[in-house]
């Protein structure tokens, strides 16, 4: 990791209320870790609800998961893992002062995130056409279980919340890409890329849990 405590103290991005740039970097990173803990707690509650309902209705979850497209879920998993790699490469490029590669890797990350959301859009719209809606709006006769809407309510809630996080990540990546094109980042200052990368890795990890829990029950 680059030394943030030397010349970066005089960087235009250095805030005067910190002792040096290293302290500013570590403070920002700690703040992001605290935020990620709150995110884990939020999703942890949803995962707990999933466990309870799956224990109550094991047959339902086995049946209902067959209505999910495992192929596209797998493709989305690969896409997100690839995006985590490219955002890590963007951080490494900043550390090596490879400014062009910062923008390239951020652009690829943004493109992969867009691919994820496009696939998710087609997945959801196909289910809507079949009448697979959450809660009381559920109107699909293909699953012979009176609580079928429970599974899909959890599915829409958890994957939908995850999708919102992906969209937020895309907004952050777009901001970082814009800043990288203006040469705001180099080996002496890349804090926004580092902490956004932490956020993006969490988004990736959450999906790695969601994919088998919903798509691979069989």
Protein backbone atom coordinates (compact mmCIF):
# COMPACT_ATOMS: atom_id res chain seq x y z
CA UNK A 1 0.00 0.00 0.00
CA UNK A 2 1.25 3.44 -0.81
CA UNK A 3 2.50 5.77 1.88
CA UNK A 4 -0.27 8.28 2.51
CA UNK A 5 1.67 10.29 5.08
CA UNK A 6 4.26 12.06 2.98
CA UNK A 7 3.59 14.38 0.06
CA UNK A 8 -0.17 13.76 0.16
CA UNK A 9 -0.35 15.98 3.23
CA UNK A 10 -0.18 18.86 0.77
CA UNK A 11 -2.65 17.31 -1.68
CA UNK A 12 -5.68 19.38 -2.65
CA UNK A 13 -7.80 16.52 -1.27
CA UNK A 14 -6.16 16.60 2.16
CA UNK A 15 -8.50 17.86 4.90
CA UNK A 16 -6.89 20.17 7.45
CA UNK A 17 -8.54 18.57 10.48
CA UNK A 18 -6.45 15.40 10.07
CA UNK A 19 -2.89 15.06 11.30
CA UNK A 20 -1.68 13.70 7.98
CA UNK A 21 -2.97 11.95 4.86
CA UNK A 22 -2.46 8.49 6.36
CA UNK A 23 -4.80 9.35 9.22
CA UNK A 24 -7.35 10.70 6.72
CA UNK A 25 -7.14 7.47 4.70
CA UNK A 26 -7.47 5.19 7.73
CA UNK A 27 -10.38 7.23 9.11
CA UNK A 28 -12.28 6.99 5.83
CA UNK A 29 -11.61 3.26 5.68
CA UNK A 30 -12.77 2.73 9.26
CA UNK A 31 -15.94 4.70 8.52
CA UNK A 32 -16.70 2.43 5.59
CA UNK A 33 -16.11 -0.69 7.70
CA UNK A 34 -18.56 0.60 10.31
CA UNK A 35 -21.13 1.23 7.58
CA UNK A 36 -20.58 -2.27 6.18
CA UNK A 37 -21.24 -3.77 9.61
CA UNK A 38 -24.67 -2.10 9.65
CA UNK A 39 -25.32 -3.52 6.18
CA UNK A 40 -24.37 -7.00 7.38
CA UNK A 41 -26.75 -6.63 10.32
CA UNK A 42 -29.59 -5.63 7.99
CA UNK A 43 -29.06 -8.53 5.59
CA UNK A 44 -28.42 -10.82 8.56
CA UNK A 45 -31.99 -10.24 9.73
CA UNK A 46 -33.30 -11.17 6.30
CA UNK A 47 -31.15 -14.30 6.17
CA UNK A 48 -32.53 -15.26 9.61
CA UNK A 49 -36.08 -14.86 8.27
CA UNK A 50 -35.14 -17.02 5.29
CA UNK A 51 -33.88 -19.78 7.60
CA UNK A 52 -37.06 -19.72 9.69
CA UNK A 53 -39.41 -19.93 6.70
CA UNK A 54 -37.32 -22.60 5.02
CA UNK A 55 -37.51 -24.73 8.16
CA UNK A 56 -41.26 -24.23 8.25
CA UNK A 57 -41.86 -24.95 4.55
CA UNK A 58 -38.99 -27.10 3.20
CA UNK A 59 -41.12 -28.65 0.42
CA UNK A 60 -42.27 -25.23 -0.75
CA UNK A 61 -38.72 -23.92 -1.10
CA UNK A 62 -37.69 -26.99 -3.08
CA UNK A 63 -40.63 -26.63 -5.46
CA UNK A 64 -40.48 -22.86 -5.83
CA UNK A 65 -36.75 -22.74 -6.57
CA UNK A 66 -37.41 -24.66 -9.81
CA UNK A 67 -39.12 -21.52 -11.14
CA UNK A 68 -35.84 -19.60 -10.90
CA UNK A 69 -33.42 -19.65 -13.82
CA UNK A 70 -30.27 -21.28 -12.48
CA UNK A 71 -28.33 -20.56 -15.68
CA UNK A 72 -28.84 -16.81 -15.54
CA UNK A 73 -28.33 -16.79 -11.79
CA UNK A 74 -24.99 -18.51 -12.37
CA UNK A 75 -24.05 -16.04 -15.10
CA UNK A 76 -24.83 -13.17 -12.76
CA UNK A 77 -22.63 -14.76 -10.10
CA UNK A 78 -19.71 -14.92 -12.54
CA UNK A 79 -20.40 -11.34 -13.63
CA UNK A 80 -20.27 -10.02 -10.06
CA UNK A 81 -17.14 -12.00 -9.20
CA UNK A 82 -15.53 -10.53 -12.32
CA UNK A 83 -16.55 -7.04 -11.26
CA UNK A 84 -14.92 -7.55 -7.86
CA UNK A 85 -11.73 -8.49 -9.68
CA UNK A 86 -11.79 -5.38 -11.86
CA UNK A 87 -12.47 -3.02 -8.96
CA UNK A 88 -9.50 -4.60 -7.14
CA UNK A 89 -7.45 -4.02 -10.30
CA UNK A 90 -8.55 -0.38 -10.29
CA UNK A 91 -7.20 -0.01 -6.76
CA UNK A 92 -3.96 -1.71 -7.75
CA UNK A 93 -3.66 0.54 -10.81
CA UNK A 94 -3.99 3.58 -8.55
CA UNK A 95 -1.29 2.26 -6.24
CA UNK A 96 1.00 1.80 -9.25
CA UNK A 97 0.09 5.25 -10.57
CA UNK A 98 -1.35 3.76 -13.78
CA UNK A 99 -3.98 6.43 -14.30
CA UNK A 100 -5.28 5.12 -17.62
CA UNK A 101 -5.82 1.66 -16.16
CA UNK A 102 -7.79 3.13 -13.26
CA UNK A 103 -10.41 4.43 -15.68
CA UNK A 104 -10.39 1.24 -17.77
CA UNK A 105 -10.98 -1.03 -14.78
CA UNK A 106 -13.64 1.22 -13.31
CA UNK A 107 -15.38 1.30 -16.69
CA UNK A 108 -15.33 -2.51 -16.91
CA UNK A 109 -16.69 -2.78 -13.37
CA UNK A 110 -19.52 -0.41 -14.24
CA UNK A 111 -20.29 -2.38 -17.43
CA UNK A 112 -20.39 -5.69 -15.55
CA UNK A 113 -22.73 -4.19 -12.95
CA UNK A 114 -25.01 -3.05 -15.78
CA UNK A 115 -24.99 -6.59 -17.23
CA UNK A 116 -26.04 -7.93 -13.82
CA UNK A 117 -28.98 -5.53 -13.60
CA UNK A 118 -30.09 -6.20 -17.19
CA UNK A 119 -30.19 -9.95 -16.53
CA UNK A 120 -32.09 -9.34 -13.30
CA UNK A 121 -34.56 -7.13 -15.17
CA UNK A 122 -35.38 -9.87 -17.65
CA UNK A 123 -35.64 -12.44 -14.84
CA UNK A 124 -38.14 -10.33 -12.95
CA UNK A 125 -40.23 -9.30 -15.95
CA UNK A 126 -40.55 -12.94 -17.03
CA UNK A 127 -41.87 -13.85 -13.59
CA UNK A 128 -44.30 -10.94 -13.64
CA UNK A 129 -45.66 -12.21 -16.95
CA UNK A 130 -46.33 -15.57 -15.28
CA UNK A 131 -48.13 -13.91 -12.39
CA UNK A 132 -45.32 -14.52 -9.90
CA UNK A 133 -45.64 -11.47 -7.70
CA UNK A 134 -44.81 -10.97 -4.01
CA UNK A 135 -47.35 -11.19 -1.21
CA UNK A 136 -51.06 -10.87 -1.90
CA UNK A 137 -50.43 -10.10 -5.57
CA UNK A 138 -49.15 -13.63 -6.24
CA UNK A 139 -51.19 -15.18 -9.07
CA UNK A 140 -49.30 -18.20 -10.37
CA UNK A 141 -50.84 -21.66 -10.47
CA UNK A 142 -47.69 -23.61 -11.27
CA UNK A 143 -46.79 -24.36 -7.65
CA UNK A 144 -49.20 -26.47 -5.63
CA UNK A 145 -48.59 -24.88 -2.26
CA UNK A 146 -50.79 -22.38 -0.45
CA UNK A 147 -47.76 -20.49 0.89
CA UNK A 148 -45.99 -20.15 -2.45
CA UNK A 149 -46.11 -16.37 -2.14
CA UNK A 150 -43.91 -16.58 0.98
CA UNK A 151 -40.94 -17.88 -1.00
CA UNK A 152 -41.26 -15.28 -3.73
CA UNK A 153 -41.84 -12.47 -1.24
CA UNK A 154 -38.49 -13.32 0.32
CA UNK A 155 -36.95 -13.68 -3.13
CA UNK A 156 -38.10 -10.25 -4.30
CA UNK A 157 -37.26 -8.59 -0.99
CA UNK A 158 -33.73 -9.94 -0.68
CA UNK A 159 -32.68 -9.84 -4.34
CA UNK A 160 -34.44 -6.49 -4.76
CA UNK A 161 -32.59 -4.96 -1.82
CA UNK A 162 -29.39 -6.38 -3.22
CA UNK A 163 -30.25 -4.85 -6.60
CA UNK A 164 -30.67 -1.44 -4.97
CA UNK A 165 -27.17 -1.81 -3.57
CA UNK A 166 -25.88 -2.66 -7.04
CA UNK A 167 -27.49 0.50 -8.43
CA UNK A 168 -25.90 2.57 -5.65
CA UNK A 169 -22.58 0.95 -6.49
CA UNK A 170 -23.06 1.84 -10.15
CA UNK A 171 -23.62 5.46 -9.15
CA UNK A 172 -20.42 5.43 -7.11
CA UNK A 173 -18.46 3.77 -9.93
CA UNK A 174 -19.72 6.40 -12.38
CA UNK A 175 -18.56 9.14 -10.01
CA UNK A 176 -15.16 7.48 -9.61
CA UNK A 177 -14.83 7.03 -13.37
CA UNK A 178 -15.59 10.72 -13.93
CA UNK A 179 -13.01 11.71 -11.34
CA UNK A 180 -10.40 9.32 -12.73
CA UNK A 181 -10.80 10.87 -16.17
CA UNK A 182 -9.98 14.20 -14.53
CA UNK A 183 -6.81 12.67 -13.04
CA UNK A 184 -7.96 13.02 -9.44
CA UNK A 185 -6.41 9.69 -8.45
CA UNK A 186 -2.83 8.50 -8.33
CA UNK A 187 -0.50 6.52 -6.09
CA UNK A 188 -0.65 9.26 -3.46
CA UNK A 189 -4.45 9.59 -3.30
CA UNK A 190 -6.98 6.85 -4.12
CA UNK A 191 -9.08 6.72 -0.93
CA UNK A 192 -12.49 6.92 -2.70
CA UNK A 193 -11.60 3.95 -4.92
CA UNK A 194 -10.42 1.92 -1.93
CA UNK A 195 -13.52 2.45 0.20
CA UNK A 196 -15.92 2.04 -2.73
CA UNK A 197 -14.11 -1.21 -3.50
CA UNK A 198 -14.87 -2.42 0.03
CA UNK A 199 -18.54 -1.64 -0.50
CA UNK A 200 -18.55 -3.45 -3.84
CA UNK A 201 -16.94 -6.56 -2.38
CA UNK A 202 -19.77 -6.73 0.19
CA UNK A 203 -22.34 -6.51 -2.61
CA UNK A 204 -20.56 -9.39 -4.33
CA UNK A 205 -20.38 -11.53 -1.17
CA UNK A 206 -24.08 -11.06 -0.42
CA UNK A 207 -25.00 -12.32 -3.89
CA UNK A 208 -22.71 -15.33 -3.44
CA UNK A 209 -24.96 -16.28 -0.50
CA UNK A 210 -28.24 -15.38 -2.23
CA UNK A 211 -27.52 -17.46 -5.32
CA UNK A 212 -27.34 -20.90 -3.66
CA UNK A 213 -30.04 -20.09 -1.08
CA UNK A 214 -32.63 -19.37 -3.77
CA UNK A 215 -31.41 -20.95 -7.00
CA UNK A 216 -29.63 -24.14 -5.87
CA UNK A 217 -31.99 -25.58 -3.27
CA UNK A 218 -32.39 -28.86 -5.15
